[in-house]
C-alpha atoms as a PDB file:
ATOM      1  CA  MET A   1      39.394  96.532  47.889  1.00  0.00           C
ATOM      2  CA  LEU A   2      37.327  98.728  50.160  1.00  0.00           C
ATOM      3  CA  GLY A   3      35.247  97.138  52.920  1.00  0.00           C
ATOM      4  CA  SER A   4      31.600  98.079  53.208  1.00  0.00           C
ATOM      5  CA  GLU A   5      32.362  99.988  56.424  1.00  0.00           C
ATOM      6  CA  SER A   6      34.648 102.396  54.597  1.00  0.00           C
ATOM      7  CA  ILE A   7      32.014 103.556  52.123  1.00  0.00           C
ATOM      8  CA  LYS A   8      29.181 104.238  54.577  1.00  0.00           C
ATOM      9  CA  PRO A   9      28.548 107.955  55.097  1.00  0.00           C
ATOM     10  CA  MET A  10      29.565 108.718  58.677  1.00  0.00           C
ATOM     11  CA  ASN A  11      27.325 111.759  59.260  1.00  0.00           C
ATOM     12  CA  ARG A  12      24.156 110.505  57.631  1.00  0.00           C
ATOM     13  CA  VAL A  13      21.198 109.846  59.877  1.00  0.00           C
ATOM     14  CA  PRO A  14      19.660 106.487  58.921  1.00  0.00           C
ATOM     15  CA  THR A  15      16.238 106.569  57.345  1.00  0.00           C
ATOM     16  CA  HIS A  16      13.402 106.808  59.849  1.00  0.00           C
ATOM     17  CA  PRO A  17      11.575 103.469  60.152  1.00  0.00           C
ATOM     18  CA  GLY A  18       8.291 105.198  59.310  1.00  0.00           C
ATOM     19  CA  GLU A  19       9.644 106.055  55.869  1.00  0.00           C
ATOM     20  CA  ILE A  20      10.747 102.450  55.457  1.00  0.00           C
ATOM     21  CA  LEU A  21       7.258 101.303  56.423  1.00  0.00           C
ATOM     22  CA  ARG A  22       5.763 103.552  53.751  1.00  0.00           C
ATOM     23  CA  GLU A  23       8.239 102.927  50.933  1.00  0.00           C
ATOM     24  CA  GLU A  24       9.095  99.251  51.475  1.00  0.00           C
ATOM     25  CA  PHE A  25       5.777  97.896  52.698  1.00  0.00           C
ATOM     26  CA  LEU A  26       2.693 100.114  52.284  1.00  0.00           C
ATOM     27  CA  VAL A  27       3.353 101.376  48.747  1.00  0.00           C
ATOM     28  CA  PRO A  28       4.356  97.986  47.270  1.00  0.00           C
ATOM     29  CA  LEU A  29       1.409  96.270  48.956  1.00  0.00           C
ATOM     30  CA  GLY A  30      -1.034  98.985  47.898  1.00  0.00           C
ATOM     31  CA  VAL A  31      -2.099  99.393  51.526  1.00  0.00           C
ATOM     32  CA  THR A  32      -3.052 102.786  52.954  1.00  0.00           C
ATOM     33  CA  GLN A  33      -2.298 104.069  56.406  1.00  0.00           C
ATOM     34  CA  VAL A  34      -6.021 103.795  57.133  1.00  0.00           C
ATOM     35  CA  ASP A  35      -5.982 100.134  56.054  1.00  0.00           C
ATOM     36  CA  LEU A  36      -2.958  99.362  58.219  1.00  0.00           C
ATOM     37  CA  ALA A  37      -4.324 101.136  61.292  1.00  0.00           C
ATOM     38  CA  ALA A  38      -7.623  99.258  60.974  1.00  0.00           C
ATOM     39  CA  HIS A  39      -5.823  95.957  60.450  1.00  0.00           C
ATOM     40  CA  LEU A  40      -3.643  96.507  63.531  1.00  0.00           C
ATOM     41  CA  GLY A  41      -6.509  97.891  65.614  1.00  0.00           C
ATOM     42  CA  ILE A  42      -4.649 101.077  66.505  1.00  0.00           C
ATOM     43  CA  PRO A  43      -5.414 104.762  65.917  1.00  0.00           C
ATOM     44  CA  LEU A  44      -4.684 106.138  62.457  1.00  0.00           C
ATOM     45  CA  GLN A  45      -2.886 109.044  64.126  1.00  0.00           C
ATOM     46  CA  ARG A  46      -0.253 106.649  65.530  1.00  0.00           C
ATOM     47  CA  ILE A  47       0.503 105.252  62.069  1.00  0.00           C
ATOM     48  CA  ASN A  48       0.450 108.689  60.449  1.00  0.00           C
ATOM     49  CA  GLU A  49       2.834 110.223  62.982  1.00  0.00           C
ATOM     50  CA  PHE A  50       5.143 107.234  62.617  1.00  0.00           C
ATOM     51  CA  VAL A  51       5.132 107.379  58.806  1.00  0.00           C
ATOM     52  CA  ARG A  52       5.810 111.138  58.943  1.00  0.00           C
ATOM     53  CA  GLY A  53       8.800 110.603  61.258  1.00  0.00           C
ATOM     54  CA  ARG A  54       7.154 112.458  64.140  1.00  0.00           C
ATOM     55  CA  ARG A  55       6.851 109.383  66.330  1.00  0.00           C
ATOM     56  CA  GLY A  56       9.136 106.491  67.066  1.00  0.00           C
ATOM     57  CA  VAL A  57       8.126 102.870  66.987  1.00  0.00           C
ATOM     58  CA  SER A  58       7.123 101.495  70.389  1.00  0.00           C
ATOM     59  CA  ALA A  59       7.707  97.901  71.417  1.00  0.00           C
ATOM     60  CA  GLU A  60       3.974  97.222  71.075  1.00  0.00           C
ATOM     61  CA  THR A  61       3.820  98.698  67.584  1.00  0.00           C
ATOM     62  CA  ALA A  62       6.958  96.764  66.591  1.00  0.00           C
ATOM     63  CA  TRP A  63       5.189  93.522  67.546  1.00  0.00           C
ATOM     64  CA  LEU A  64       2.064  94.503  65.630  1.00  0.00           C
ATOM     65  CA  LEU A  65       4.003  95.513  62.505  1.00  0.00           C
ATOM     66  CA  ALA A  66       6.047  92.319  62.683  1.00  0.00           C
ATOM     67  CA  GLY A  67       2.918  90.172  62.775  1.00  0.00           C
ATOM     68  CA  ALA A  68       1.226  92.017  59.938  1.00  0.00           C
ATOM     69  CA  LEU A  69       4.233  92.390  57.655  1.00  0.00           C
ATOM     70  CA  GLY A  70       6.152  89.151  58.197  1.00  0.00           C
ATOM     71  CA  THR A  71       9.150  90.766  59.859  1.00  0.00           C
ATOM     72  CA  THR A  72      10.424  90.575  63.419  1.00  0.00           C
ATOM     73  CA  PRO A  73       9.842  93.150  66.140  1.00  0.00           C
ATOM     74  CA  GLU A  74      13.622  93.518  66.333  1.00  0.00           C
ATOM     75  CA  TYR A  75      13.643  94.697  62.721  1.00  0.00           C
ATOM     76  CA  TRP A  76      11.558  97.730  63.694  1.00  0.00           C
ATOM     77  CA  THR A  77      13.232  98.443  67.028  1.00  0.00           C
ATOM     78  CA  ASN A  78      16.707  98.166  65.460  1.00  0.00           C
ATOM     79  CA  LEU A  79      15.755 100.605  62.706  1.00  0.00           C
ATOM     80  CA  GLN A  80      14.462 103.001  65.357  1.00  0.00           C
ATOM     81  CA  ALA A  81      17.546 102.611  67.553  1.00  0.00           C
ATOM     82  CA  GLN A  82      19.929 103.270  64.644  1.00  0.00           C
ATOM     83  CA  HIS A  83      17.957 106.358  63.646  1.00  0.00           C
ATOM     84  CA  ASP A  84      17.792 107.689  67.224  1.00  0.00           C
ATOM     85  CA  LEU A  85      21.472 107.089  67.945  1.00  0.00           C
ATOM     86  CA  ALA A  86      22.611 108.898  64.808  1.00  0.00           C
ATOM     87  CA  ALA A  87      20.132 111.747  65.252  1.00  0.00           C
ATOM     88  CA  SER A  88      21.226 112.411  68.830  1.00  0.00           C
ATOM     89  CA  ARG A  89      24.990 112.049  68.393  1.00  0.00           C
ATOM     90  CA  PRO A  90      26.675 114.587  70.688  1.00  0.00           C
ATOM     91  CA  THR A  91      28.622 117.396  69.084  1.00  0.00           C
ATOM     92  CA  ARG A  92      31.380 117.185  71.677  1.00  0.00           C
ATOM     93  CA  ARG A  93      33.699 114.307  72.471  1.00  0.00           C
ATOM     94  CA  VAL A  94      34.078 112.947  75.960  1.00  0.00           C
ATOM     95  CA  LYS A  95      37.460 111.725  77.147  1.00  0.00           C
ATOM     96  CA  PRO A  96      37.565 108.135  78.396  1.00  0.00           C
ATOM     97  CA  LEU A  97      37.119 107.822  82.154  1.00  0.00           C
ATOM     98  CA  ARG A  98      40.340 106.755  83.902  1.00  0.00           C
ATOM     99  CA  PRO A  99      40.610 104.985  87.245  1.00  0.00           C
ATOM    100  CA  ALA A 100      41.200 107.333  90.182  1.00  0.00           C
ATOM    101  CA  SER A 101      44.829 107.419  91.331  1.00  0.00           C
END
């Protein structure tokens, strides 16, 4: 039987957390970006850029989203970290550093 690690696509960039915010939280709750920005007390532009994948989630925004949506701030920062790591994977390999002789 195959383990879950063997069926994950290796070159796929994980979904941006802004898309997850939109599809998993805003749409099901029937909440607009305007509603969320007002609720959090932050500029609409910050939410819009995040939802559009043009901005990453900051630690402050992760805390605000966690409080409003019943998640943890780590949920949002982990999603962002996974996305960023995959999106910036180097195209070249680096040999392991060896102790000097």
